[in-house]
Amino acid sequence: MSFTTYYGAGRDIHARQKLKREQELGADHSETEEIRAERAEIRLAMAFAKAVYDRRKELGLSQSDVAQRAGLTQAKVSRIEGADAVPTLPLLRRLARALDASLSIAMDEEQEEVVFVARTAA
């Protein structure tokens, strides 16, 4: 099941609206620093959402399972996966532990990469 299929039409529309907004922001070649920062924030939130979703599915966990493991509510996990929440550093740590992984985030002017790397058994 894909990221889009899982979320259904409502989430798909929300993601498309965010992407459309990002494209509209990019259409203006005289982009201000504020707009560039907003675009980067959108891309990072979407990359993080996808990384959480992909790792959760890889482990065969439900949002409720991840929430319980991380000490969160299922609604909070849903907001994170929907790119509707910007996690704090302590929350990033809790999610990495809940997903049995380390978290790698790389950012530059053009792209954001968020990857959960499975922990190896000792």
C-alpha atoms as a PDB file:
ATOM      1  CA  MET A   1       0.000   0.000   0.000  1.00  0.00           C
ATOM      2  CA  SER A   2       1.442   3.363  -0.958  1.00  0.00           C
ATOM      3  CA  PHE A   3       1.757   6.506   1.158  1.00  0.00           C
ATOM      4  CA  THR A   4      -1.031   8.130  -0.880  1.00  0.00           C
ATOM      5  CA  THR A   5      -3.288   5.071  -0.848  1.00  0.00           C
ATOM      6  CA  TYR A   6      -2.985   4.749   2.923  1.00  0.00           C
ATOM      7  CA  TYR A   7      -4.028   8.312   3.530  1.00  0.00           C
ATOM      8  CA  GLY A   8      -6.964   8.190   1.175  1.00  0.00           C
ATOM      9  CA  ALA A   9      -8.459  11.071  -0.758  1.00  0.00           C
ATOM     10  CA  GLY A  10      -8.501  13.588   2.099  1.00  0.00           C
ATOM     11  CA  ARG A  11      -4.810  13.239   2.884  1.00  0.00           C
ATOM     12  CA  ASP A  12      -3.946  13.048  -0.815  1.00  0.00           C
ATOM     13  CA  ILE A  13      -5.735  16.344  -1.426  1.00  0.00           C
ATOM     14  CA  HIS A  14      -3.939  17.906   1.542  1.00  0.00           C
ATOM     15  CA  ALA A  15      -0.546  16.751   0.239  1.00  0.00           C
ATOM     16  CA  ARG A  16      -1.368  17.998  -3.271  1.00  0.00           C
ATOM     17  CA  GLN A  17      -2.384  21.381  -1.846  1.00  0.00           C
ATOM     18  CA  LYS A  18       0.949  21.642  -0.044  1.00  0.00           C
ATOM     19  CA  LEU A  19       2.810  20.635  -3.195  1.00  0.00           C
ATOM     20  CA  LYS A  20       0.792  23.107  -5.290  1.00  0.00           C
ATOM     21  CA  ARG A  21       1.594  25.857  -2.818  1.00  0.00           C
ATOM     22  CA  GLU A  22       5.264  24.964  -2.986  1.00  0.00           C
ATOM     23  CA  GLN A  23       5.146  25.055  -6.800  1.00  0.00           C
ATOM     24  CA  GLU A  24       3.353  28.401  -6.739  1.00  0.00           C
ATOM     25  CA  LEU A  25       5.975  29.772  -4.395  1.00  0.00           C
ATOM     26  CA  GLY A  26       8.633  28.535  -6.799  1.00  0.00           C
ATOM     27  CA  ALA A  27       6.938  30.139  -9.808  1.00  0.00           C
ATOM     28  CA  ASP A  28       7.991  33.578  -8.596  1.00  0.00           C
ATOM     29  CA  HIS A  29      11.617  34.022  -9.638  1.00  0.00           C
ATOM     30  CA  SER A  30      12.048  36.981  -7.296  1.00  0.00           C
ATOM     31  CA  GLU A  31      11.608  34.719  -4.304  1.00  0.00           C
ATOM     32  CA  THR A  32      12.222  36.394  -0.968  1.00  0.00           C
ATOM     33  CA  GLU A  33      14.237  34.818   1.828  1.00  0.00           C
ATOM     34  CA  GLU A  34      10.996  34.316   3.765  1.00  0.00           C
ATOM     35  CA  ILE A  35       9.456  32.375   0.880  1.00  0.00           C
ATOM     36  CA  ARG A  36      12.600  30.262   0.454  1.00  0.00           C
ATOM     37  CA  ALA A  37      12.487  29.443   4.166  1.00  0.00           C
ATOM     38  CA  GLU A  38       8.801  28.507   3.943  1.00  0.00           C
ATOM     39  CA  ARG A  39       9.474  26.246   0.941  1.00  0.00           C
ATOM     40  CA  ALA A  40      12.301  24.530   2.810  1.00  0.00           C
ATOM     41  CA  GLU A  41      10.059  24.013   5.837  1.00  0.00           C
ATOM     42  CA  ILE A  42       7.340  22.445   3.674  1.00  0.00           C
ATOM     43  CA  ARG A  43       9.822  20.108   1.987  1.00  0.00           C
ATOM     44  CA  LEU A  44      11.338  19.092   5.315  1.00  0.00           C
ATOM     45  CA  ALA A  45       7.930  18.410   6.902  1.00  0.00           C
ATOM     46  CA  MET A  46       6.923  16.295   3.897  1.00  0.00           C
ATOM     47  CA  ALA A  47      10.227  14.392   3.886  1.00  0.00           C
ATOM     48  CA  PHE A  48       9.924  13.709   7.614  1.00  0.00           C
ATOM     49  CA  ALA A  49       6.285  12.619   7.255  1.00  0.00           C
ATOM     50  CA  LYS A  50       7.212  10.155   4.528  1.00  0.00           C
ATOM     51  CA  ALA A  51      10.182   8.799   6.507  1.00  0.00           C
ATOM     52  CA  VAL A  52       8.008   8.141   9.578  1.00  0.00           C
ATOM     53  CA  TYR A  53       5.297   6.519   7.461  1.00  0.00           C
ATOM     54  CA  ASP A  54       7.769   4.358   5.507  1.00  0.00           C
ATOM     55  CA  ARG A  55       9.581   3.132   8.633  1.00  0.00           C
ATOM     56  CA  ARG A  56       6.313   2.440  10.455  1.00  0.00           C
ATOM     57  CA  LYS A  57       5.034   0.378   7.522  1.00  0.00           C
ATOM     58  CA  GLU A  58       8.387  -1.419   7.240  1.00  0.00           C
ATOM     59  CA  LEU A  59       7.958  -2.520  10.859  1.00  0.00           C
ATOM     60  CA  GLY A  60       4.302  -3.449  10.324  1.00  0.00           C
ATOM     61  CA  LEU A  61       3.146  -1.031  13.021  1.00  0.00           C
ATOM     62  CA  SER A  62      -0.044   0.971  13.240  1.00  0.00           C
ATOM     63  CA  GLN A  63      -0.064   4.647  14.169  1.00  0.00           C
ATOM     64  CA  SER A  64      -1.416   3.586  17.557  1.00  0.00           C
ATOM     65  CA  ASP A  65       1.512   1.195  18.024  1.00  0.00           C
ATOM     66  CA  VAL A  66       4.023   3.955  17.290  1.00  0.00           C
ATOM     67  CA  ALA A  67       2.126   6.357  19.536  1.00  0.00           C
ATOM     68  CA  GLN A  68       2.208   3.909  22.424  1.00  0.00           C
ATOM     69  CA  ARG A  69       5.916   3.197  21.934  1.00  0.00           C
ATOM     70  CA  ALA A  70       6.721   6.947  21.784  1.00  0.00           C
ATOM     71  CA  GLY A  71       4.358   8.053  24.555  1.00  0.00           C
ATOM     72  CA  LEU A  72       2.222  10.054  22.122  1.00  0.00           C
ATOM     73  CA  THR A  73      -1.354  10.016  20.976  1.00  0.00           C
ATOM     74  CA  GLN A  74      -2.371   8.372  17.717  1.00  0.00           C
ATOM     75  CA  ALA A  75      -3.613  11.803  16.597  1.00  0.00           C
ATOM     76  CA  LYS A  76      -0.126  13.275  17.086  1.00  0.00           C
ATOM     77  CA  VAL A  77       1.434  10.505  14.987  1.00  0.00           C
ATOM     78  CA  SER A  78      -1.213  11.165  12.335  1.00  0.00           C
ATOM     79  CA  ARG A  79      -0.347  14.887  12.309  1.00  0.00           C
ATOM     80  CA  ILE A  80       3.347  14.063  11.983  1.00  0.00           C
ATOM     81  CA  GLU A  81       2.696  11.678   9.088  1.00  0.00           C
ATOM     82  CA  GLY A  82       0.409  14.268   7.507  1.00  0.00           C
ATOM     83  CA  ALA A  83       3.200  16.880   7.617  1.00  0.00           C
ATOM     84  CA  ASP A  84       0.993  18.964   9.901  1.00  0.00           C
ATOM     85  CA  ALA A  85       3.366  19.021  12.875  1.00  0.00           C
ATOM     86  CA  VAL A  86       6.931  20.206  13.258  1.00  0.00           C
ATOM     87  CA  PRO A  87       8.566  17.937  15.824  1.00  0.00           C
ATOM     88  CA  THR A  88      10.924  19.163  18.514  1.00  0.00           C
ATOM     89  CA  LEU A  89      14.321  17.550  19.046  1.00  0.00           C
ATOM     90  CA  PRO A  90      13.083  15.485  22.032  1.00  0.00           C
ATOM     91  CA  LEU A  91      10.159  14.267  19.917  1.00  0.00           C
ATOM     92  CA  LEU A  92      12.548  13.255  17.119  1.00  0.00           C
ATOM     93  CA  ARG A  93      14.466  11.142  19.633  1.00  0.00           C
ATOM     94  CA  ARG A  94      11.272   9.507  20.943  1.00  0.00           C
ATOM     95  CA  LEU A  95      10.129   8.673  17.416  1.00  0.00           C
ATOM     96  CA  ALA A  96      13.509   7.211  16.472  1.00  0.00           C
ATOM     97  CA  ARG A  97      13.415   4.975  19.544  1.00  0.00           C
ATOM     98  CA  ALA A  98       9.800   3.993  18.873  1.00  0.00           C
ATOM     99  CA  LEU A  99      10.749   3.052  15.312  1.00  0.00           C
ATOM    100  CA  ASP A 100      13.854   1.077  16.400  1.00  0.00           C
ATOM    101  CA  ALA A 101      16.094   3.285  14.302  1.00  0.00           C
ATOM    102  CA  SER A 102      18.513   6.131  14.267  1.00  0.00           C
ATOM    103  CA  LEU A 103      17.435   9.286  12.470  1.00  0.00           C
ATOM    104  CA  SER A 104      19.516  11.008   9.827  1.00  0.00           C
ATOM    105  CA  ILE A 105      18.542  14.458   8.532  1.00  0.00           C
ATOM    106  CA  ALA A 106      20.493  16.235   5.803  1.00  0.00           C
ATOM    107  CA  MET A 107      19.533  19.707   4.613  1.00  0.00           C
ATOM    108  CA  ASP A 108      20.866  22.192   2.134  1.00  0.00           C
ATOM    109  CA  GLU A 109      19.464  24.901  -0.124  1.00  0.00           C
ATOM    110  CA  GLU A 110      17.960  22.493  -2.634  1.00  0.00           C
ATOM    111  CA  GLN A 111      16.796  19.434  -0.753  1.00  0.00           C
ATOM    112  CA  GLU A 112      16.007  17.864   2.560  1.00  0.00           C
ATOM    113  CA  GLU A 113      16.611  14.193   3.240  1.00  0.00           C
ATOM    114  CA  VAL A 114      15.187  12.375   6.248  1.00  0.00           C
ATOM    115  CA  VAL A 115      16.026   8.710   6.770  1.00  0.00           C
ATOM    116  CA  PHE A 116      15.389   6.264   9.578  1.00  0.00           C
ATOM    117  CA  VAL A 117      18.220   3.716   9.663  1.00  0.00           C
ATOM    118  CA  ALA A 118      17.298   0.413  11.286  1.00  0.00           C
ATOM    119  CA  ARG A 119      19.344  -0.462  14.326  1.00  0.00           C
ATOM    120  CA  THR A 120      21.314  -3.654  13.976  1.00  0.00           C
ATOM    121  CA  ALA A 121      20.808  -6.357  16.562  1.00  0.00           C
ATOM    122  CA  ALA A 122      23.699  -6.629  18.996  1.00  0.00           C
END
